[in-house]
């Protein structure tokens, strides 16, 4: 199949630039050994010997023994059988345990709690002695905690000031919110499997605040007749929650930060419906708090909305920035697909546009996005990740784009992986996936390829299933990446988000048992 016409003209020039970047060395993907072992064993249906694991990961057998002992320290995740080796004891436990072995944050629980407290209370000062007493730490430990927190905050141009028995965070409101949002989103990376993810990410949120923020998200969806896809919903929730908490503390983003009025006016003009909703949500927050909220907050919420992926496009947003299409096409034609497969480049480009459009808005608005499956993606699709990383760097250099994070690249990888799966290519089944449309569609393709006789009638969230169970009375099987409250007693097979060989065998076993 020929590449999209819009990219054919510049293909030689883009390829030449890509090939230059492609020859540059690329840093390796580093994943903790504990996580590697768990990932590897979760894809095996039978036992694996320690010497096989040692050979696989280029370490000694003793290191394998020590690492598995570490993994099982709190709860037995990996079981052993003399003469056979190791295997995952209960595959459903992986979802809850694997996150604990991923070093996705430099901050421990105590540091994180103190950091969130300092940021939430800013500009108020907190007493040092009181904090030391509450956290049961000595002066030396507290000083060490502050040192690590300062190091973390430095990336957001923030600092912790200690003076006369008090400490506080110094910096502007915009950066304080970015730091808070990043901390909460990192929590989402670790607890992606939790069906009550908002309670897990925001354990201190009151029931009243949680219900209000949720009602505003529902209001946005209803007014726009769109559904916010995961994990973008967490971004919006986090932004609104932080806005409410910081407003209560008397902190506001100065109007002076609106330093590009021409650009902002253009943004509003191209997204009138989104901006109208933003104004109404901010008004609702004012009514809820009985406090005035800065007008600029409507613009900030607008930037989050245009950086969000919905289940369909708003009619007024149909016109595309040529750079978005060019970026998507460049990824499609530059990827070094194996010559033995025929990938539909037009379809791949179209799928990528849906992600690249809000991604570009995030880049220019400085909005972070956390990919809860990043470590899984790097492990399962390591080569694809490296190739996409090089292609994206090539395009970014050529067009002077802001730095594109590994999290964003991980999302792009899923679309390419899906295209490859499709190219290889009567029970009523629904798929449940909590990690976003890219992952859900990839899972759908993999299940369809492995079991062509299954009739996959829908891909839904656990929320949709639990809210409207009557819509799924005729379903014969649920294949899910998360636990779900199943009052209908429909058979459920719990699988990993990236669907491995062990997952296939569990589905086969259930189908054959009927």
Protein backbone atom coordinates (compact mmCIF):
# COMPACT_ATOMS: atom_id res chain seq x y z
CA UNK A 1 0.00 0.00 0.00
CA UNK A 2 1.29 3.46 -0.86
CA UNK A 3 1.98 5.93 1.94
CA UNK A 4 -0.43 8.84 2.45
CA UNK A 5 -0.13 11.32 -0.40
CA UNK A 6 0.56 14.25 1.93
CA UNK A 7 3.81 12.69 3.11
CA UNK A 8 5.08 11.28 -0.17
CA UNK A 9 6.58 14.57 -1.42
CA UNK A 10 8.86 15.10 1.57
CA UNK A 11 9.55 11.42 2.19
CA UNK A 12 13.14 11.47 0.92
CA UNK A 13 14.10 14.53 2.95
CA UNK A 14 12.42 13.21 6.12
CA UNK A 15 13.98 9.78 5.65
CA UNK A 16 17.43 11.30 5.28
CA UNK A 17 17.02 13.27 8.51
CA UNK A 18 15.56 10.22 10.22
CA UNK A 19 18.43 8.00 9.12
CA UNK A 20 20.91 10.49 10.59
CA UNK A 21 19.17 10.38 13.96
CA UNK A 22 18.66 6.63 13.68
CA UNK A 23 22.41 6.01 13.59
CA UNK A 24 22.96 7.90 16.85
CA UNK A 25 23.35 5.84 19.99
CA UNK A 26 20.27 5.43 22.16
CA UNK A 27 20.22 4.97 25.89
CA UNK A 28 19.07 1.53 26.99
CA UNK A 29 15.79 0.89 28.71
CA UNK A 30 16.50 0.21 32.38
CA UNK A 31 13.92 -1.73 34.33
CA UNK A 32 14.38 -3.01 37.88
CA UNK A 33 15.32 -6.74 38.01
CA UNK A 34 12.37 -7.50 40.29
CA UNK A 35 9.98 -6.09 37.74
CA UNK A 36 11.75 -7.91 34.89
CA UNK A 37 11.40 -11.26 36.66
CA UNK A 38 7.72 -10.69 37.43
CA UNK A 39 7.01 -9.60 33.86
CA UNK A 40 8.87 -12.59 32.43
CA UNK A 41 7.21 -15.19 34.67
CA UNK A 42 3.76 -13.68 34.10
CA UNK A 43 4.13 -14.53 30.42
CA UNK A 44 4.98 -18.18 31.17
CA UNK A 45 2.31 -20.77 31.85
CA UNK A 46 4.80 -23.31 33.28
CA UNK A 47 7.72 -23.22 35.74
CA UNK A 48 11.03 -21.53 34.88
CA UNK A 49 14.33 -22.62 36.47
CA UNK A 50 16.59 -20.16 38.29
CA UNK A 51 19.47 -20.81 35.89
CA UNK A 52 17.20 -19.93 32.95
CA UNK A 53 16.29 -16.64 34.62
CA UNK A 54 19.95 -15.94 35.38
CA UNK A 55 20.87 -16.53 31.74
CA UNK A 56 17.93 -14.46 30.52
CA UNK A 57 18.89 -11.41 32.59
CA UNK A 58 22.69 -11.87 32.61
CA UNK A 59 23.00 -12.18 36.38
CA UNK A 60 24.09 -14.94 38.75
CA UNK A 61 21.75 -17.61 40.09
CA UNK A 62 22.35 -16.24 43.59
CA UNK A 63 21.12 -12.84 42.42
CA UNK A 64 17.93 -14.49 41.15
CA UNK A 65 17.44 -16.18 44.53
CA UNK A 66 17.96 -12.92 46.42
CA UNK A 67 15.67 -10.93 44.11
CA UNK A 68 12.80 -13.42 44.36
CA UNK A 69 13.21 -13.41 48.14
CA UNK A 70 12.90 -9.61 48.02
CA UNK A 71 9.78 -9.84 45.84
CA UNK A 72 8.15 -12.26 48.28
CA UNK A 73 9.12 -10.25 51.39
CA UNK A 74 5.63 -8.86 52.05
CA UNK A 75 3.52 -11.45 50.27
CA UNK A 76 4.32 -14.55 48.24
CA UNK A 77 3.99 -13.47 44.63
CA UNK A 78 6.29 -16.12 43.12
CA UNK A 79 6.04 -19.77 44.17
CA UNK A 80 8.77 -22.39 43.77
CA UNK A 81 8.74 -26.14 43.17
CA UNK A 82 11.87 -28.20 43.75
CA UNK A 83 13.22 -29.49 40.47
CA UNK A 84 10.86 -27.32 38.40
CA UNK A 85 11.69 -23.72 39.26
CA UNK A 86 9.49 -20.67 39.72
CA UNK A 87 6.17 -19.38 38.51
CA UNK A 88 3.66 -16.67 39.43
CA UNK A 89 1.50 -17.96 42.27
CA UNK A 90 -1.66 -16.08 41.32
CA UNK A 91 -1.76 -14.05 38.11
CA UNK A 92 -4.49 -11.78 39.50
CA UNK A 93 -2.09 -10.66 42.23
CA UNK A 94 0.36 -9.30 39.65
CA UNK A 95 -1.79 -6.25 39.01
CA UNK A 96 -1.52 -5.27 42.67
CA UNK A 97 2.13 -6.19 43.23
CA UNK A 98 4.09 -5.27 40.14
CA UNK A 99 3.78 -1.54 40.72
CA UNK A 100 5.66 -1.86 43.97
CA UNK A 101 8.80 -2.92 42.16
CA UNK A 102 8.83 -0.10 39.63
CA UNK A 103 11.04 2.79 40.64
CA UNK A 104 8.82 5.47 39.15
CA UNK A 105 9.45 8.06 41.84
CA UNK A 106 12.46 9.28 43.80
CA UNK A 107 10.29 10.00 46.82
CA UNK A 108 9.20 7.56 49.53
CA UNK A 109 5.85 7.73 51.31
CA UNK A 110 7.07 10.04 54.09
CA UNK A 111 8.81 12.42 51.70
CA UNK A 112 5.78 12.43 49.42
CA UNK A 113 3.38 13.15 52.27
CA UNK A 114 5.55 16.03 53.50
CA UNK A 115 6.01 17.38 49.99
CA UNK A 116 2.28 17.38 49.20
CA UNK A 117 1.58 19.05 52.52
CA UNK A 118 4.13 21.80 51.88
CA UNK A 119 2.79 22.43 48.37
CA UNK A 120 -0.87 22.35 49.36
CA UNK A 121 -0.33 24.75 52.27
CA UNK A 122 1.88 27.19 50.38
CA UNK A 123 2.18 30.17 50.92
CA UNK A 124 1.59 29.31 54.58
CA UNK A 125 4.58 28.31 56.72
CA UNK A 126 4.68 25.04 58.67
CA UNK A 127 6.40 24.57 62.03
CA UNK A 128 9.49 22.36 61.84
CA UNK A 129 9.17 20.90 65.36
CA UNK A 130 5.54 20.01 64.82
CA UNK A 131 6.32 18.25 61.53
CA UNK A 132 9.22 16.31 63.09
CA UNK A 133 6.89 15.18 65.87
CA UNK A 134 4.09 14.17 63.50
CA UNK A 135 6.44 12.17 61.25
CA UNK A 136 8.44 10.72 64.18
CA UNK A 137 11.80 11.74 62.73
CA UNK A 138 14.95 13.25 64.18
CA UNK A 139 16.55 16.53 63.13
CA UNK A 140 19.10 14.73 60.94
CA UNK A 141 16.44 12.64 59.18
CA UNK A 142 14.27 15.72 58.65
CA UNK A 143 17.20 17.64 57.14
CA UNK A 144 17.86 14.71 54.80
CA UNK A 145 14.18 14.66 53.79
CA UNK A 146 14.27 18.37 52.98
CA UNK A 147 17.41 17.89 50.92
CA UNK A 148 15.73 15.25 48.78
CA UNK A 149 12.57 17.34 48.46
CA UNK A 150 14.61 20.36 47.33
CA UNK A 151 16.24 18.19 44.69
CA UNK A 152 12.83 17.05 43.45
CA UNK A 153 11.35 20.57 43.40
CA UNK A 154 14.32 22.03 41.55
CA UNK A 155 12.94 20.70 38.24
CA UNK A 156 9.87 22.89 38.77
CA UNK A 157 11.90 26.01 39.69
CA UNK A 158 10.70 25.72 43.29
CA UNK A 159 12.61 25.69 46.57
CA UNK A 160 12.04 24.87 50.25
CA UNK A 161 12.98 27.68 52.61
CA UNK A 162 13.70 27.02 56.29
CA UNK A 163 13.78 30.05 58.57
CA UNK A 164 13.23 30.67 62.29
CA UNK A 165 11.67 27.30 63.00
CA UNK A 166 9.37 27.28 59.97
CA UNK A 167 9.53 25.93 56.42
CA UNK A 168 7.64 26.84 53.26
CA UNK A 169 7.83 26.40 49.48
CA UNK A 170 9.01 29.39 47.46
CA UNK A 171 7.95 29.73 43.84
CA UNK A 172 5.10 30.77 41.58
CA UNK A 173 1.63 29.26 41.69
CA UNK A 174 1.79 27.77 38.21
CA UNK A 175 4.87 25.70 39.08
CA UNK A 176 3.42 24.65 42.43
CA UNK A 177 0.39 23.19 40.66
CA UNK A 178 2.58 21.47 38.08
CA UNK A 179 4.57 19.81 40.86
CA UNK A 180 1.41 18.70 42.69
CA UNK A 181 -0.16 17.38 39.51
CA UNK A 182 2.98 15.42 38.68
CA UNK A 183 3.02 13.78 42.13
CA UNK A 184 -0.62 12.71 41.87
CA UNK A 185 -0.22 11.43 38.32
CA UNK A 186 2.82 9.37 39.35
CA UNK A 187 0.59 7.72 41.94
CA UNK A 188 -1.73 6.79 39.08
CA UNK A 189 1.13 5.02 37.33
CA UNK A 190 1.60 2.70 40.31
CA UNK A 191 -2.06 1.91 40.99
CA UNK A 192 -3.40 1.70 37.46
CA UNK A 193 -5.33 -1.49 38.29
CA UNK A 194 -7.36 -0.06 41.15
CA UNK A 195 -11.04 0.24 40.22
CA UNK A 196 -11.33 3.05 42.83
CA UNK A 197 -8.35 4.84 41.39
CA UNK A 198 -9.38 8.33 42.51
CA UNK A 199 -9.57 7.19 46.15
CA UNK A 200 -6.13 5.63 45.81
CA UNK A 201 -4.47 8.64 44.14
CA UNK A 202 -6.16 11.23 46.37
CA UNK A 203 -6.52 9.49 49.76
CA UNK A 204 -6.93 12.82 51.60
CA UNK A 205 -9.79 14.10 49.45
CA UNK A 206 -13.09 14.56 51.27
CA UNK A 207 -16.17 12.77 50.01
CA UNK A 208 -17.79 16.12 49.32
CA UNK A 209 -14.89 17.38 47.18
CA UNK A 210 -14.63 14.08 45.35
CA UNK A 211 -18.34 14.10 44.48
CA UNK A 212 -18.17 17.73 43.34
CA UNK A 213 -15.13 17.24 41.09
CA UNK A 214 -16.69 14.08 39.63
CA UNK A 215 -19.92 15.99 38.98
CA UNK A 216 -17.99 18.64 37.05
CA UNK A 217 -16.34 16.01 34.86
CA UNK A 218 -19.76 14.49 34.21
CA UNK A 219 -21.07 17.99 33.43
CA UNK A 220 -18.29 18.53 30.87
CA UNK A 221 -19.07 15.21 29.17
CA UNK A 222 -22.82 15.82 29.12
CA UNK A 223 -22.59 19.36 27.76
CA UNK A 224 -20.14 18.38 25.03
CA UNK A 225 -21.79 15.01 24.35
CA UNK A 226 -18.32 13.46 24.58
CA UNK A 227 -16.68 10.93 26.88
CA UNK A 228 -13.28 11.65 28.41
CA UNK A 229 -11.01 8.65 27.91
CA UNK A 230 -8.66 7.21 30.52
CA UNK A 231 -6.10 8.21 31.71
CA UNK A 232 -7.05 11.76 30.66
CA UNK A 233 -9.90 11.74 33.18
CA UNK A 234 -7.30 11.59 35.97
CA UNK A 235 -5.58 14.68 34.55
CA UNK A 236 -8.80 16.71 34.61
CA UNK A 237 -9.73 15.42 38.07
CA UNK A 238 -6.28 16.27 39.44
CA UNK A 239 -6.34 19.77 37.91
CA UNK A 240 -9.76 20.62 39.37
CA UNK A 241 -8.97 19.13 42.78
CA UNK A 242 -5.69 21.07 43.06
CA UNK A 243 -7.46 24.25 41.92
CA UNK A 244 -10.05 23.84 44.67
CA UNK A 245 -7.49 23.07 47.39
CA UNK A 246 -5.15 25.90 46.41
CA UNK A 247 -8.01 28.42 46.12
CA UNK A 248 -9.07 27.55 49.67
CA UNK A 249 -5.52 28.33 50.80
CA UNK A 250 -5.77 31.75 49.18
CA UNK A 251 -3.35 30.96 46.33
CA UNK A 252 -4.09 32.19 42.81
CA UNK A 253 -2.30 32.32 39.48
CA UNK A 254 -1.59 36.02 38.77
CA UNK A 255 -3.35 37.46 35.74
CA UNK A 256 0.08 38.66 34.61
CA UNK A 257 0.96 35.08 33.65
CA UNK A 258 -1.37 35.49 30.68
CA UNK A 259 1.61 36.75 28.71
CA UNK A 260 0.59 35.71 25.20
CA UNK A 261 -2.86 37.22 24.76
CA UNK A 262 -2.79 36.86 20.96
CA UNK A 263 -2.05 33.15 21.19
CA UNK A 264 -4.66 32.64 23.91
CA UNK A 265 -7.29 34.59 21.94
CA UNK A 266 -6.62 32.31 18.98
CA UNK A 267 -6.92 29.23 21.21
CA UNK A 268 -10.27 30.43 22.53
CA UNK A 269 -11.50 31.29 19.02
CA UNK A 270 -10.72 27.78 17.76
CA UNK A 271 -12.35 26.09 20.77
CA UNK A 272 -15.45 28.14 21.57
CA UNK A 273 -17.48 25.22 22.94
CA UNK A 274 -14.64 24.09 25.20
CA UNK A 275 -14.11 27.62 26.49
CA UNK A 276 -17.80 28.10 27.18
CA UNK A 277 -17.76 24.93 29.28
CA UNK A 278 -14.57 26.08 31.06
CA UNK A 279 -16.26 29.33 32.08
CA UNK A 280 -19.25 27.45 33.46
CA UNK A 281 -17.12 24.98 35.43
CA UNK A 282 -15.11 27.80 37.02
CA UNK A 283 -18.39 29.55 37.91
CA UNK A 284 -19.59 26.29 39.50
CA UNK A 285 -16.37 26.13 41.54
CA UNK A 286 -16.92 29.70 42.73
CA UNK A 287 -20.44 28.79 43.85
CA UNK A 288 -19.16 25.62 45.55
CA UNK A 289 -16.37 27.42 47.45
CA UNK A 290 -18.27 30.69 47.98
CA UNK A 291 -15.05 32.36 46.86
CA UNK A 292 -13.97 34.32 43.81
CA UNK A 293 -11.74 32.46 41.35
CA UNK A 294 -9.33 34.21 38.99
CA UNK A 295 -10.61 34.61 35.42
CA UNK A 296 -7.42 33.09 34.07
CA UNK A 297 -8.50 29.72 35.53
CA UNK A 298 -10.99 29.37 32.66
CA UNK A 299 -8.09 29.59 30.23
CA UNK A 300 -6.07 27.02 32.16
CA UNK A 301 -8.99 24.60 32.20
CA UNK A 302 -9.45 25.20 28.47
CA UNK A 303 -5.82 24.18 27.91
CA UNK A 304 -6.48 20.94 29.78
CA UNK A 305 -9.62 20.23 27.76
CA UNK A 306 -7.92 20.72 24.39
CA UNK A 307 -5.11 18.47 25.65
CA UNK A 308 -7.57 15.69 26.48
CA UNK A 309 -8.50 12.69 24.34
CA UNK A 310 -12.23 12.17 23.89
CA UNK A 311 -14.11 9.26 22.34
CA UNK A 312 -14.87 11.41 19.28
CA UNK A 313 -13.97 14.80 17.84
CA UNK A 314 -16.00 17.92 18.43
CA UNK A 315 -17.39 19.19 15.13
CA UNK A 316 -15.86 22.66 15.56
CA UNK A 317 -12.43 21.05 16.00
CA UNK A 318 -12.43 19.14 12.72
CA UNK A 319 -9.83 21.40 11.08
CA UNK A 320 -6.36 19.98 11.71
CA UNK A 321 -3.08 21.78 12.16
CA UNK A 322 -0.98 20.59 9.17
CA UNK A 323 1.89 19.87 11.58
CA UNK A 324 -0.26 17.27 13.39
CA UNK A 325 -0.95 15.34 10.20
CA UNK A 326 2.67 15.68 9.12
CA UNK A 327 3.87 14.31 12.47
CA UNK A 328 1.52 11.30 12.32
CA UNK A 329 2.44 10.57 8.71
CA UNK A 330 6.15 10.88 9.46
CA UNK A 331 5.91 8.23 12.17
CA UNK A 332 3.99 5.93 9.82
CA UNK A 333 6.38 6.15 6.85
CA UNK A 334 9.58 6.31 8.90
CA UNK A 335 8.97 3.25 11.04
CA UNK A 336 11.19 0.35 9.87
CA UNK A 337 8.48 -2.29 9.55
CA UNK A 338 9.60 -5.80 8.73
CA UNK A 339 9.43 -6.36 4.98
CA UNK A 340 7.42 -9.55 5.52
CA UNK A 341 4.36 -7.64 6.76
CA UNK A 342 2.08 -5.14 5.03
CA UNK A 343 0.98 -2.37 7.38
CA UNK A 344 -1.92 -0.11 6.44
CA UNK A 345 -0.08 3.23 6.66
CA UNK A 346 -3.19 5.30 6.01
CA UNK A 347 -5.05 3.65 8.89
CA UNK A 348 -2.01 3.94 11.17
CA UNK A 349 -1.62 7.64 10.35
CA UNK A 350 -5.31 8.24 11.04
CA UNK A 351 -5.06 6.49 14.42
CA UNK A 352 -1.95 8.47 15.33
CA UNK A 353 -3.57 11.82 14.47
CA UNK A 354 -6.16 11.19 17.19
CA UNK A 355 -3.38 11.02 19.77
CA UNK A 356 -0.93 13.53 18.32
CA UNK A 357 -3.51 16.34 18.26
CA UNK A 358 -4.05 16.55 22.06
CA UNK A 359 -0.40 15.61 22.62
CA UNK A 360 0.76 18.72 20.75
CA UNK A 361 -1.58 20.84 22.86
CA UNK A 362 -0.05 19.30 25.99
CA UNK A 363 3.47 20.06 24.77
CA UNK A 364 2.77 23.72 24.14
CA UNK A 365 0.75 24.13 27.37
CA UNK A 366 3.34 22.40 29.55
CA UNK A 367 0.83 19.75 30.67
CA UNK A 368 2.33 16.44 31.80
CA UNK A 369 0.75 13.11 30.92
CA UNK A 370 1.57 9.91 32.80
CA UNK A 371 1.37 6.61 30.95
CA UNK A 372 0.45 3.96 33.54
CA UNK A 373 1.70 1.20 31.23
CA UNK A 374 5.07 2.76 30.38
CA UNK A 375 7.22 0.09 32.05
CA UNK A 376 5.09 -2.70 30.54
CA UNK A 377 5.37 -1.08 27.11
CA UNK A 378 9.16 -0.76 27.37
CA UNK A 379 9.45 -4.38 28.46
CA UNK A 380 7.04 -5.91 25.94
CA UNK A 381 7.73 -3.61 22.98
CA UNK A 382 11.32 -2.57 23.65
CA UNK A 383 12.38 -2.47 19.99
CA UNK A 384 9.28 -0.56 18.90
CA UNK A 385 9.86 1.92 21.72
CA UNK A 386 13.47 2.54 20.67
CA UNK A 387 12.45 3.05 17.03
CA UNK A 388 9.60 5.43 17.89
CA UNK A 389 11.86 7.34 20.27
CA UNK A 390 14.37 7.94 17.45
CA UNK A 391 11.68 8.91 14.95
CA UNK A 392 10.07 11.35 17.40
CA UNK A 393 13.44 12.92 18.23
CA UNK A 394 14.11 13.35 14.53
CA UNK A 395 10.81 15.15 13.97
CA UNK A 396 11.16 17.22 17.14
CA UNK A 397 14.62 18.47 16.15
CA UNK A 398 13.48 19.32 12.62
CA UNK A 399 10.46 21.28 13.89
CA UNK A 400 11.94 22.58 17.16
CA UNK A 401 9.24 21.00 19.31
CA UNK A 402 9.33 20.89 23.11
CA UNK A 403 10.81 17.70 24.58
CA UNK A 404 8.46 14.73 24.20
CA UNK A 405 8.47 12.49 27.27
CA UNK A 406 8.82 8.72 27.44
CA UNK A 407 5.20 8.60 28.64
CA UNK A 408 3.99 10.17 25.40
CA UNK A 409 6.25 7.94 23.31
CA UNK A 410 4.80 4.93 25.14
CA UNK A 411 1.32 5.89 23.96
CA UNK A 412 2.53 6.21 20.36
CA UNK A 413 4.13 2.75 20.60
CA UNK A 414 0.72 1.18 21.26
CA UNK A 415 -0.65 2.44 17.94
CA UNK A 416 2.30 1.02 16.01
CA UNK A 417 2.06 -2.26 17.93
CA UNK A 418 -1.64 -2.44 17.06
CA UNK A 419 -0.87 -1.86 13.36
CA UNK A 420 1.65 -4.71 13.43
CA UNK A 421 -0.81 -7.03 15.18
CA UNK A 422 -3.52 -6.22 12.61
CA UNK A 423 -1.15 -6.95 9.76
CA UNK A 424 -0.61 -10.50 11.04
CA UNK A 425 -3.86 -11.04 10.65
CA UNK A 426 -19.18 -16.96 18.88
CA UNK A 427 -19.15 -16.24 22.13
CA UNK A 428 -20.38 -12.73 22.91
CA UNK A 429 -17.48 -11.03 24.69
CA UNK A 430 -16.86 -7.62 26.19
CA UNK A 431 -13.40 -6.28 26.97
CA UNK A 432 -12.69 -4.10 30.00
CA UNK A 433 -9.60 -1.94 30.05
CA UNK A 434 -8.71 0.96 32.39
CA UNK A 435 -5.65 2.36 30.59
CA UNK A 436 -7.04 4.26 27.63
CA UNK A 437 -8.23 3.81 24.05
CA UNK A 438 -4.83 2.90 22.60
CA UNK A 439 -4.39 -0.01 25.00
CA UNK A 440 -8.02 -1.07 24.68
CA UNK A 441 -7.89 -1.24 20.89
CA UNK A 442 -4.58 -3.12 20.96
CA UNK A 443 -6.06 -5.64 23.41
CA UNK A 444 -9.11 -6.02 21.17
CA UNK A 445 -6.93 -6.79 18.15
CA UNK A 446 -4.82 -9.32 20.07
CA UNK A 447 -7.85 -11.15 21.46
CA UNK A 448 -9.52 -11.16 18.04
CA UNK A 449 -6.38 -12.60 16.42
CA UNK A 450 -5.98 -15.28 19.08
CA UNK A 451 -9.69 -16.21 19.14
CA UNK A 452 -11.35 -15.32 15.80
CA UNK A 453 -14.49 -17.22 16.84
CA UNK A 454 -15.19 -14.79 19.68
CA UNK A 455 -17.69 -12.01 18.98
CA UNK A 456 -16.22 -8.93 20.68
CA UNK A 457 -19.28 -6.74 20.99
CA UNK A 458 -17.83 -3.84 22.99
CA UNK A 459 -14.81 -2.38 24.80
CA UNK A 460 -15.95 -0.71 28.01
CA UNK A 461 -14.83 0.57 31.42
CA UNK A 462 -15.71 -1.12 34.70
CA UNK A 463 -17.65 2.04 35.54
CA UNK A 464 -19.94 1.56 32.52
CA UNK A 465 -20.50 -2.10 33.38
CA UNK A 466 -21.29 -1.47 37.04
CA UNK A 467 -23.54 1.52 36.26
CA UNK A 468 -25.54 -0.18 33.48
CA UNK A 469 -25.29 -3.99 33.98
CA UNK A 470 -28.62 -4.43 32.23
CA UNK A 471 -26.95 -3.51 28.93
CA UNK A 472 -24.75 -6.62 29.08
CA UNK A 473 -27.19 -9.39 30.03
CA UNK A 474 -26.51 -11.35 26.83
CA UNK A 475 -22.72 -11.39 27.31
CA UNK A 476 -21.12 -14.84 27.59
CA UNK A 477 -17.66 -13.79 28.75
CA UNK A 478 -15.79 -10.78 30.13
CA UNK A 479 -12.09 -10.39 29.40
CA UNK A 480 -10.76 -7.72 31.75
CA UNK A 481 -7.48 -6.10 32.81
CA UNK A 482 -9.04 -4.99 36.13
CA UNK A 483 -11.19 -6.43 38.88
CA UNK A 484 -14.91 -5.70 38.60
CA UNK A 485 -18.04 -6.00 40.73
CA UNK A 486 -19.80 -8.75 38.76
CA UNK A 487 -23.33 -9.07 40.13
CA UNK A 488 -24.49 -10.83 36.94
CA UNK A 489 -22.06 -13.73 37.58
CA UNK A 490 -20.77 -13.56 34.02
CA UNK A 491 -17.53 -15.58 33.62
CA UNK A 492 -14.50 -13.29 33.85
CA UNK A 493 -10.93 -13.90 32.72
CA UNK A 494 -8.41 -11.47 34.20
CA UNK A 495 -5.59 -10.72 31.74
CA UNK A 496 -2.63 -8.38 31.54
CA UNK A 497 -3.13 -5.17 29.55
CA UNK A 498 -0.68 -6.29 26.84
CA UNK A 499 -2.11 -9.85 26.59
CA UNK A 500 0.54 -12.58 26.74
CA UNK A 501 0.70 -16.33 26.17
CA UNK A 502 -0.41 -17.19 29.70
CA UNK A 503 -3.51 -15.02 29.19
CA UNK A 504 -4.36 -16.94 26.01
CA UNK A 505 -4.11 -20.26 27.83
CA UNK A 506 -6.48 -19.11 30.58
CA UNK A 507 -9.08 -18.06 28.01
CA UNK A 508 -8.66 -21.34 26.10
CA UNK A 509 -9.14 -23.28 29.34
CA UNK A 510 -12.36 -21.44 30.15
CA UNK A 511 -13.75 -21.84 26.62
CA UNK A 512 -12.98 -25.58 26.59
CA UNK A 513 -14.59 -26.06 30.02
CA UNK A 514 -17.98 -24.85 28.74
